Amino acid sequence: MSVPIAPFPAELVAPGAASAPFLDALAVAELPPGALRRVTFGDLDVLLAHTAGGIVAVDDRCPHMAAPLSIGRLEGSVVACPLHRGQFDLASGDAVVMPTTGCLLPDGTAVPVWTPDGQPPKVDVPGPKTEARRLTRVRRFNYYPIRIRDDRVEVRIPPEVTARI
C-alpha cells in the first residue's frame, strides 16, 4: 500500500532529528486517512496524523498550552486542540485559529482573549492567571521525519530521547 508522507517546513525539524535513527511507531493500517494517533518514545509523545497531504509527525502537544492534540480533531491538514479551540495547520506549522484564552504569537504579537461574535469583549480580570495567559507564547511545532517501510511508519527520534528509552 502506497501512503504519502506529507511535506513540512524544513526549518521546523526537531533539533537532532534530521540525522537521527528511525524507530518503529505503528502499522500504516492503524493510521487511516483523517486519523490522529499518539506514539511514545521514552518521555516524548509524538502525534502521527494522516492529513490530506499524507502522514506527518509532530510533538503531541498543542503549541499553546501543551494539551494532547491526539485527542483533538483533524480536518484536511488542520488539527484542532481539544482544550482552547486553537487550530494549527500541520502542513505549514502556522496557527489557523488562535486559542480562546489569548496569547503571544511566536513573534511576540499579543492576541486578546477570544469573544464570540456579537458579544461584548470579554473582560480578563487582572491577576496571575490573566498574566500567565497574556505571556503564554504559541510555539512552532517540532516535526519528526518519517518513512514507510514494510507497511510500518517509522519516525526519526533524536538521540537524546532514544538514550532515555
N, C-alpha and C. Protein backbone atom coordinates (compact mmCIF):
# COMPACT_ATOMS: atom_id res chain seq x y z
N MET A 1 0.85 -1.17 0.00
CA MET A 1 0.00 0.00 0.00
C MET A 1 0.90 1.24 0.00
N SER A 2 0.59 2.17 -0.89
CA SER A 2 1.40 3.38 -1.01
C SER A 2 0.72 4.52 -0.24
N VAL A 3 1.40 5.00 0.77
CA VAL A 3 0.88 6.09 1.60
C VAL A 3 1.86 7.25 1.50
N PRO A 4 1.37 8.44 1.13
CA PRO A 4 2.30 9.57 1.01
C PRO A 4 2.76 10.08 2.37
N ILE A 5 3.96 10.63 2.36
CA ILE A 5 4.49 11.32 3.54
C ILE A 5 4.31 12.81 3.27
N ALA A 6 3.66 13.50 4.19
CA ALA A 6 3.38 14.92 3.99
C ALA A 6 4.65 15.75 4.09
N PRO A 7 4.79 16.73 3.20
CA PRO A 7 5.92 17.66 3.35
C PRO A 7 5.68 18.56 4.55
N PHE A 8 6.76 19.09 5.11
CA PHE A 8 6.64 20.03 6.23
C PHE A 8 7.78 21.04 6.13
N PRO A 9 7.67 22.17 6.84
CA PRO A 9 8.72 23.19 6.77
C PRO A 9 10.05 22.65 7.32
N ALA A 10 11.07 22.60 6.47
CA ALA A 10 12.37 22.04 6.86
C ALA A 10 12.97 22.74 8.07
N GLU A 11 12.69 24.03 8.21
CA GLU A 11 13.26 24.78 9.34
C GLU A 11 12.64 24.40 10.68
N LEU A 12 11.57 23.61 10.65
CA LEU A 12 10.90 23.22 11.90
C LEU A 12 11.19 21.77 12.31
N VAL A 13 12.17 21.13 11.66
CA VAL A 13 12.51 19.77 12.08
C VAL A 13 13.07 19.84 13.51
N ALA A 14 12.68 18.88 14.34
CA ALA A 14 13.10 18.87 15.75
C ALA A 14 14.62 18.82 15.84
N PRO A 15 15.20 19.56 16.77
CA PRO A 15 16.66 19.52 16.92
C PRO A 15 17.16 18.08 17.08
N GLY A 16 18.15 17.74 16.26
CA GLY A 16 18.74 16.41 16.33
C GLY A 16 18.02 15.34 15.54
N ALA A 17 16.82 15.65 15.01
CA ALA A 17 16.03 14.62 14.35
C ALA A 17 16.43 14.38 12.89
N ALA A 18 17.02 15.37 12.23
CA ALA A 18 17.34 15.24 10.81
C ALA A 18 18.24 14.05 10.51
N SER A 19 19.14 13.74 11.42
CA SER A 19 20.07 12.63 11.19
C SER A 19 19.91 11.51 12.22
N ALA A 20 18.82 11.53 12.94
CA ALA A 20 18.57 10.52 13.98
C ALA A 20 18.15 9.19 13.36
N PRO A 21 18.23 8.12 14.14
CA PRO A 21 17.77 6.83 13.62
C PRO A 21 16.24 6.78 13.54
N PHE A 22 15.75 5.98 12.62
CA PHE A 22 14.31 5.75 12.52
C PHE A 22 13.91 4.69 13.54
N LEU A 23 12.80 4.92 14.23
CA LEU A 23 12.26 3.95 15.18
C LEU A 23 10.86 3.56 14.74
N ASP A 24 10.51 2.30 14.96
CA ASP A 24 9.20 1.81 14.60
C ASP A 24 8.13 2.50 15.44
N ALA A 25 7.05 2.95 14.79
CA ALA A 25 5.96 3.63 15.51
C ALA A 25 4.69 2.80 15.52
N LEU A 26 4.17 2.48 14.33
CA LEU A 26 2.93 1.70 14.24
C LEU A 26 2.73 1.24 12.81
N ALA A 27 1.77 0.34 12.63
CA ALA A 27 1.41 -0.14 11.30
C ALA A 27 0.66 0.95 10.55
N VAL A 28 0.91 1.06 9.26
CA VAL A 28 0.21 2.03 8.42
C VAL A 28 -1.30 1.83 8.55
N ALA A 29 -1.75 0.58 8.65
CA ALA A 29 -3.18 0.28 8.75
C ALA A 29 -3.81 0.88 10.01
N GLU A 30 -3.02 1.18 11.03
CA GLU A 30 -3.54 1.78 12.25
C GLU A 30 -3.73 3.29 12.13
N LEU A 31 -3.36 3.86 10.96
CA LEU A 31 -3.45 5.30 10.76
C LEU A 31 -4.17 5.59 9.44
N PRO A 32 -5.48 5.34 9.38
CA PRO A 32 -6.21 5.61 8.14
C PRO A 32 -6.31 7.12 7.89
N PRO A 33 -6.65 7.52 6.67
CA PRO A 33 -6.80 8.95 6.38
C PRO A 33 -7.72 9.64 7.40
N GLY A 34 -7.27 10.80 7.89
CA GLY A 34 -8.03 11.58 8.87
C GLY A 34 -7.78 11.19 10.32
N ALA A 35 -6.94 10.18 10.55
CA ALA A 35 -6.69 9.71 11.92
C ALA A 35 -5.56 10.45 12.60
N LEU A 36 -5.67 10.52 13.92
CA LEU A 36 -4.63 11.05 14.81
C LEU A 36 -4.26 9.94 15.78
N ARG A 37 -2.95 9.71 15.96
CA ARG A 37 -2.51 8.69 16.91
C ARG A 37 -1.31 9.20 17.69
N ARG A 38 -1.28 8.85 18.97
CA ARG A 38 -0.12 9.16 19.82
C ARG A 38 0.77 7.93 19.87
N VAL A 39 2.08 8.16 19.68
CA VAL A 39 3.08 7.13 19.92
C VAL A 39 4.10 7.72 20.87
N THR A 40 4.61 6.90 21.76
CA THR A 40 5.51 7.40 22.80
C THR A 40 6.87 6.73 22.68
N PHE A 41 7.90 7.55 22.73
CA PHE A 41 9.29 7.10 22.73
C PHE A 41 9.93 7.68 23.99
N GLY A 42 10.19 6.84 24.99
CA GLY A 42 10.70 7.36 26.25
C GLY A 42 9.69 8.33 26.83
N ASP A 43 10.11 9.57 27.06
CA ASP A 43 9.17 10.57 27.58
C ASP A 43 8.70 11.55 26.49
N LEU A 44 8.91 11.18 25.23
CA LEU A 44 8.49 12.01 24.11
C LEU A 44 7.21 11.42 23.50
N ASP A 45 6.13 12.20 23.53
CA ASP A 45 4.88 11.81 22.90
C ASP A 45 4.81 12.47 21.53
N VAL A 46 4.62 11.65 20.50
CA VAL A 46 4.60 12.13 19.12
C VAL A 46 3.20 11.91 18.54
N LEU A 47 2.71 12.92 17.85
CA LEU A 47 1.43 12.84 17.14
C LEU A 47 1.72 12.40 15.71
N LEU A 48 1.12 11.30 15.31
CA LEU A 48 1.12 10.90 13.90
C LEU A 48 -0.26 11.25 13.37
N ALA A 49 -0.28 12.02 12.29
CA ALA A 49 -1.54 12.46 11.70
C ALA A 49 -1.54 12.09 10.22
N HIS A 50 -2.63 11.48 9.77
CA HIS A 50 -2.77 11.16 8.36
C HIS A 50 -3.60 12.27 7.72
N THR A 51 -2.93 13.33 7.32
CA THR A 51 -3.57 14.52 6.77
C THR A 51 -3.94 14.31 5.30
N ALA A 52 -4.59 15.31 4.74
CA ALA A 52 -4.93 15.27 3.31
C ALA A 52 -3.67 15.21 2.46
N GLY A 53 -2.54 15.71 2.97
CA GLY A 53 -1.29 15.70 2.23
C GLY A 53 -0.41 14.50 2.51
N GLY A 54 -0.84 13.62 3.41
CA GLY A 54 -0.04 12.45 3.77
C GLY A 54 0.19 12.40 5.28
N ILE A 55 1.09 11.53 5.68
CA ILE A 55 1.36 11.34 7.11
C ILE A 55 2.43 12.32 7.56
N VAL A 56 2.22 12.88 8.75
CA VAL A 56 3.17 13.82 9.35
C VAL A 56 3.32 13.48 10.83
N ALA A 57 4.50 13.82 11.39
CA ALA A 57 4.77 13.56 12.81
C ALA A 57 5.25 14.86 13.48
N VAL A 58 4.59 15.22 14.59
CA VAL A 58 4.96 16.40 15.39
C VAL A 58 4.83 16.02 16.86
N ASP A 59 5.30 16.91 17.73
CA ASP A 59 5.07 16.70 19.16
C ASP A 59 3.57 16.60 19.41
N ASP A 60 3.17 15.66 20.26
CA ASP A 60 1.74 15.52 20.58
C ASP A 60 1.38 16.48 21.70
N ARG A 61 1.50 17.75 21.40
CA ARG A 61 1.08 18.77 22.35
C ARG A 61 0.76 20.04 21.59
N CYS A 62 -0.27 20.67 22.03
CA CYS A 62 -0.68 21.93 21.42
C CYS A 62 0.44 22.94 21.59
N PRO A 63 0.74 23.70 20.53
CA PRO A 63 1.79 24.72 20.65
C PRO A 63 1.42 25.86 21.59
N HIS A 64 0.19 25.85 22.12
CA HIS A 64 -0.27 26.90 23.01
C HIS A 64 -0.03 26.51 24.47
N MET A 65 -0.73 25.51 24.98
CA MET A 65 -0.58 25.12 26.38
C MET A 65 -0.38 23.63 26.56
N ALA A 66 0.14 22.96 25.53
CA ALA A 66 0.62 21.58 25.60
C ALA A 66 -0.45 20.51 25.78
N ALA A 67 -1.71 20.79 25.50
CA ALA A 67 -2.74 19.74 25.55
C ALA A 67 -2.45 18.72 24.46
N PRO A 68 -2.80 17.44 24.67
CA PRO A 68 -2.54 16.43 23.65
C PRO A 68 -3.43 16.60 22.41
N LEU A 69 -2.80 16.87 21.29
CA LEU A 69 -3.55 17.05 20.04
C LEU A 69 -4.13 15.74 19.53
N SER A 70 -3.58 14.62 19.97
CA SER A 70 -4.07 13.32 19.51
C SER A 70 -5.52 13.06 19.91
N ILE A 71 -6.05 13.82 20.85
CA ILE A 71 -7.46 13.67 21.19
C ILE A 71 -8.29 14.83 20.63
N GLY A 72 -7.64 15.61 19.75
CA GLY A 72 -8.35 16.69 19.05
C GLY A 72 -9.04 16.13 17.82
N ARG A 73 -9.19 16.98 16.80
CA ARG A 73 -9.80 16.51 15.56
C ARG A 73 -9.00 17.07 14.39
N LEU A 74 -9.03 16.33 13.29
CA LEU A 74 -8.26 16.67 12.10
C LEU A 74 -9.20 16.88 10.93
N GLU A 75 -9.04 18.02 10.25
CA GLU A 75 -9.79 18.30 9.02
C GLU A 75 -8.78 18.75 7.98
N GLY A 76 -8.59 17.93 6.95
CA GLY A 76 -7.58 18.23 5.94
C GLY A 76 -6.20 18.11 6.55
N SER A 77 -5.53 19.25 6.70
CA SER A 77 -4.23 19.25 7.38
C SER A 77 -4.27 20.08 8.66
N VAL A 78 -5.46 20.48 9.08
CA VAL A 78 -5.61 21.34 10.26
C VAL A 78 -6.06 20.50 11.45
N VAL A 79 -5.26 20.57 12.52
CA VAL A 79 -5.60 19.85 13.75
C VAL A 79 -6.15 20.87 14.75
N ALA A 80 -7.24 20.49 15.42
CA ALA A 80 -7.89 21.36 16.40
C ALA A 80 -7.56 20.85 17.80
N CYS A 81 -7.15 21.75 18.66
CA CYS A 81 -6.84 21.41 20.04
C CYS A 81 -8.15 21.20 20.82
N PRO A 82 -8.20 20.16 21.66
CA PRO A 82 -9.41 19.91 22.43
C PRO A 82 -9.59 20.85 23.61
N LEU A 83 -8.58 21.66 23.93
CA LEU A 83 -8.64 22.46 25.15
C LEU A 83 -9.13 23.89 24.93
N HIS A 84 -8.49 24.66 24.07
CA HIS A 84 -8.83 26.08 23.93
C HIS A 84 -9.21 26.47 22.50
N ARG A 85 -9.64 25.48 21.69
CA ARG A 85 -10.15 25.71 20.34
C ARG A 85 -9.13 26.22 19.34
N GLY A 86 -7.85 26.22 19.66
CA GLY A 86 -6.83 26.61 18.69
C GLY A 86 -6.80 25.60 17.55
N GLN A 87 -6.48 26.09 16.36
CA GLN A 87 -6.36 25.22 15.20
C GLN A 87 -5.03 25.52 14.51
N PHE A 88 -4.33 24.44 14.14
CA PHE A 88 -2.97 24.58 13.63
C PHE A 88 -2.81 23.75 12.36
N ASP A 89 -2.21 24.36 11.35
CA ASP A 89 -2.01 23.71 10.06
C ASP A 89 -0.74 22.87 10.11
N LEU A 90 -0.89 21.56 10.02
CA LEU A 90 0.26 20.67 10.09
C LEU A 90 1.12 20.74 8.83
N ALA A 91 0.59 21.31 7.74
CA ALA A 91 1.37 21.46 6.51
C ALA A 91 2.36 22.62 6.62
N SER A 92 2.00 23.65 7.38
CA SER A 92 2.85 24.84 7.48
C SER A 92 3.39 25.10 8.89
N GLY A 93 2.71 24.55 9.89
CA GLY A 93 3.07 24.84 11.28
C GLY A 93 2.44 26.09 11.82
N ASP A 94 1.61 26.75 11.02
CA ASP A 94 1.01 28.03 11.42
C ASP A 94 -0.30 27.84 12.17
N ALA A 95 -0.60 28.79 13.05
CA ALA A 95 -1.91 28.83 13.71
C ALA A 95 -2.92 29.32 12.68
N VAL A 96 -4.06 28.62 12.59
CA VAL A 96 -5.14 29.00 11.69
C VAL A 96 -6.21 29.74 12.49
N VAL A 97 -6.51 29.24 13.68
CA VAL A 97 -7.43 29.89 14.62
C VAL A 97 -6.70 29.96 15.95
N MET A 98 -6.62 31.15 16.50
CA MET A 98 -5.90 31.32 17.76
C MET A 98 -6.71 30.76 18.93
N PRO A 99 -6.02 30.27 19.96
CA PRO A 99 -6.72 29.76 21.14
C PRO A 99 -7.62 30.82 21.77
N THR A 100 -8.68 30.37 22.42
CA THR A 100 -9.67 31.29 23.00
C THR A 100 -9.13 32.08 24.18
N THR A 101 -8.05 31.64 24.79
CA THR A 101 -7.55 32.28 26.01
C THR A 101 -6.68 33.50 25.75
N GLY A 102 -6.34 33.77 24.49
CA GLY A 102 -5.39 34.83 24.22
C GLY A 102 -3.98 34.32 24.45
N CYS A 103 -2.99 35.02 23.87
CA CYS A 103 -1.61 34.54 23.98
C CYS A 103 -0.69 35.46 23.20
N LEU A 104 0.56 35.05 23.11
CA LEU A 104 1.53 35.72 22.26
C LEU A 104 1.80 34.85 21.05
N LEU A 105 1.91 35.46 19.88
CA LEU A 105 2.33 34.74 18.69
C LEU A 105 3.83 34.47 18.79
N PRO A 106 4.38 33.57 17.97
CA PRO A 106 5.82 33.32 18.03
C PRO A 106 6.68 34.58 17.91
N ASP A 107 6.17 35.60 17.17
CA ASP A 107 6.94 36.84 17.01
C ASP A 107 6.74 37.83 18.16
N GLY A 108 5.91 37.47 19.17
CA GLY A 108 5.69 38.34 20.32
C GLY A 108 4.45 39.20 20.24
N THR A 109 3.71 39.15 19.12
CA THR A 109 2.48 39.91 18.97
C THR A 109 1.41 39.35 19.90
N ALA A 110 0.74 40.22 20.64
CA ALA A 110 -0.30 39.77 21.58
C ALA A 110 -1.62 39.55 20.86
N VAL A 111 -2.30 38.46 21.23
CA VAL A 111 -3.63 38.14 20.71
C VAL A 111 -4.56 38.16 21.92
N PRO A 112 -5.64 38.95 21.87
CA PRO A 112 -6.52 39.07 23.03
C PRO A 112 -7.36 37.82 23.28
N VAL A 113 -7.96 37.76 24.45
CA VAL A 113 -8.89 36.70 24.79
C VAL A 113 -10.03 36.73 23.77
N TRP A 114 -10.43 35.54 23.31
CA TRP A 114 -11.46 35.42 22.29
C TRP A 114 -12.83 35.74 22.86
N THR A 115 -13.63 36.44 22.07
CA THR A 115 -15.02 36.74 22.42
C THR A 115 -15.89 36.29 21.25
N PRO A 116 -16.97 35.54 21.52
CA PRO A 116 -17.85 35.11 20.43
C PRO A 116 -18.41 36.31 19.67
N ASP A 117 -18.65 36.12 18.36
CA ASP A 117 -19.23 37.18 17.53
C ASP A 117 -20.54 37.68 18.15
N GLY A 118 -20.73 38.99 18.12
CA GLY A 118 -21.95 39.59 18.62
C GLY A 118 -21.99 39.79 20.13
N GLN A 119 -20.95 39.40 20.82
CA GLN A 119 -20.89 39.55 22.28
C GLN A 119 -19.96 40.71 22.64
N PRO A 120 -20.18 41.35 23.79
CA PRO A 120 -19.25 42.38 24.20
C PRO A 120 -17.88 41.76 24.50
N PRO A 121 -16.80 42.52 24.35
CA PRO A 121 -15.47 41.98 24.61
C PRO A 121 -15.38 41.38 26.02
N LYS A 122 -14.76 40.23 26.09
CA LYS A 122 -14.59 39.53 27.36
C LYS A 122 -13.56 40.28 28.21
N VAL A 123 -13.92 40.51 29.46
CA VAL A 123 -13.00 41.19 30.38
C VAL A 123 -12.17 40.13 31.08
N ASP A 124 -10.87 40.29 31.03
CA ASP A 124 -9.96 39.36 31.70
C ASP A 124 -9.54 40.03 33.00
N VAL A 125 -10.06 39.53 34.12
CA VAL A 125 -9.83 40.12 35.43
C VAL A 125 -8.34 40.08 35.75
N PRO A 126 -7.74 41.22 36.14
CA PRO A 126 -6.31 41.24 36.45
C PRO A 126 -5.96 40.24 37.55
N GLY A 127 -4.77 39.65 37.42
CA GLY A 127 -4.29 38.68 38.40
C GLY A 127 -3.31 37.72 37.74
N PRO A 128 -2.79 36.78 38.52
CA PRO A 128 -1.77 35.87 37.99
C PRO A 128 -2.25 35.02 36.80
N LYS A 129 -3.52 34.56 36.81
CA LYS A 129 -4.00 33.74 35.69
C LYS A 129 -4.06 34.56 34.40
N THR A 130 -4.52 35.79 34.51
CA THR A 130 -4.57 36.66 33.34
C THR A 130 -3.17 36.95 32.83
N GLU A 131 -2.26 37.21 33.73
CA GLU A 131 -0.87 37.49 33.35
C GLU A 131 -0.25 36.26 32.69
N ALA A 132 -0.53 35.07 33.23
CA ALA A 132 0.00 33.84 32.64
C ALA A 132 -0.54 33.64 31.22
N ARG A 133 -1.84 33.87 31.03
CA ARG A 133 -2.42 33.73 29.69
C ARG A 133 -1.80 34.74 28.73
N ARG A 134 -1.61 35.95 29.21
CA ARG A 134 -1.05 37.01 28.37
C ARG A 134 0.37 36.69 27.93
N LEU A 135 1.12 36.00 28.78
CA LEU A 135 2.53 35.70 28.48
C LEU A 135 2.76 34.33 27.87
N THR A 136 1.68 33.55 27.67
CA THR A 136 1.83 32.23 27.06
C THR A 136 2.04 32.40 25.56
N ARG A 137 3.18 31.94 25.10
CA ARG A 137 3.54 32.09 23.68
C ARG A 137 3.15 30.83 22.91
N VAL A 138 2.52 31.01 21.77
CA VAL A 138 2.25 29.91 20.87
C VAL A 138 3.57 29.56 20.20
N ARG A 139 4.00 28.33 20.40
CA ARG A 139 5.27 27.86 19.84
C ARG A 139 5.05 27.27 18.45
N ARG A 140 6.13 27.05 17.75
CA ARG A 140 6.07 26.35 16.47
C ARG A 140 6.19 24.86 16.76
N PHE A 141 5.63 24.04 15.90
CA PHE A 141 5.75 22.59 16.03
C PHE A 141 7.19 22.14 15.86
N ASN A 142 7.54 21.05 16.50
CA ASN A 142 8.74 20.28 16.17
C ASN A 142 8.27 19.15 15.28
N TYR A 143 8.84 19.04 14.08
CA TYR A 143 8.49 17.98 13.15
C TYR A 143 9.54 16.88 13.21
N TYR A 144 9.09 15.64 13.02
CA TYR A 144 9.97 14.48 13.02
C TYR A 144 9.87 13.81 11.66
N PRO A 145 11.01 13.66 10.96
CA PRO A 145 10.97 12.96 9.67
C PRO A 145 10.45 11.54 9.84
N ILE A 146 9.70 11.07 8.85
CA ILE A 146 9.17 9.71 8.89
C ILE A 146 9.49 9.00 7.59
N ARG A 147 9.32 7.69 7.62
CA ARG A 147 9.38 6.88 6.41
C ARG A 147 8.42 5.71 6.60
N ILE A 148 8.02 5.12 5.47
CA ILE A 148 7.18 3.93 5.49
C ILE A 148 8.06 2.78 5.02
N ARG A 149 8.14 1.75 5.84
CA ARG A 149 8.94 0.57 5.49
C ARG A 149 8.16 -0.66 5.92
N ASP A 150 7.95 -1.58 4.96
CA ASP A 150 7.23 -2.82 5.24
C ASP A 150 5.88 -2.56 5.91
N ASP A 151 5.14 -1.58 5.38
CA ASP A 151 3.81 -1.22 5.90
C ASP A 151 3.83 -0.77 7.35
N ARG A 152 4.97 -0.23 7.80
CA ARG A 152 5.12 0.32 9.14
C ARG A 152 5.55 1.78 9.01
N VAL A 153 5.06 2.63 9.91
CA VAL A 153 5.50 4.01 9.98
C VAL A 153 6.68 4.05 10.94
N GLU A 154 7.78 4.65 10.49
CA GLU A 154 8.97 4.81 11.32
C GLU A 154 9.25 6.31 11.44
N VAL A 155 9.70 6.72 12.62
CA VAL A 155 9.90 8.13 12.94
C VAL A 155 11.35 8.34 13.38
N ARG A 156 11.97 9.42 12.90
CA ARG A 156 13.32 9.78 13.35
C ARG A 156 13.21 10.50 14.69
N ILE A 157 13.78 9.89 15.71
CA ILE A 157 13.73 10.45 17.05
C ILE A 157 15.15 10.82 17.47
N PRO A 158 15.36 12.04 17.98
CA PRO A 158 16.70 12.49 18.34
C PRO A 158 17.39 11.57 19.35
N PRO A 159 18.71 11.44 19.24
CA PRO A 159 19.47 10.55 20.14
C PRO A 159 19.28 10.85 21.63
N GLU A 160 19.12 12.12 21.98
CA GLU A 160 18.95 12.44 23.40
C GLU A 160 17.65 11.87 23.97
N VAL A 161 16.66 11.63 23.10
CA VAL A 161 15.42 10.99 23.52
C VAL A 161 15.62 9.49 23.56
N THR A 162 16.23 8.94 22.52
CA THR A 162 16.40 7.49 22.48
C THR A 162 17.33 7.01 23.60
N ALA A 163 18.20 7.85 24.08
CA ALA A 163 19.08 7.47 25.21
C ALA A 163 18.28 7.24 26.48
N ARG A 164 17.08 7.83 26.56
CA ARG A 164 16.25 7.70 27.76
C ARG A 164 15.24 6.56 27.64
N ILE A 165 15.21 5.89 26.49
CA ILE A 165 14.22 4.83 26.28
C ILE A 165 14.66 3.57 27.03
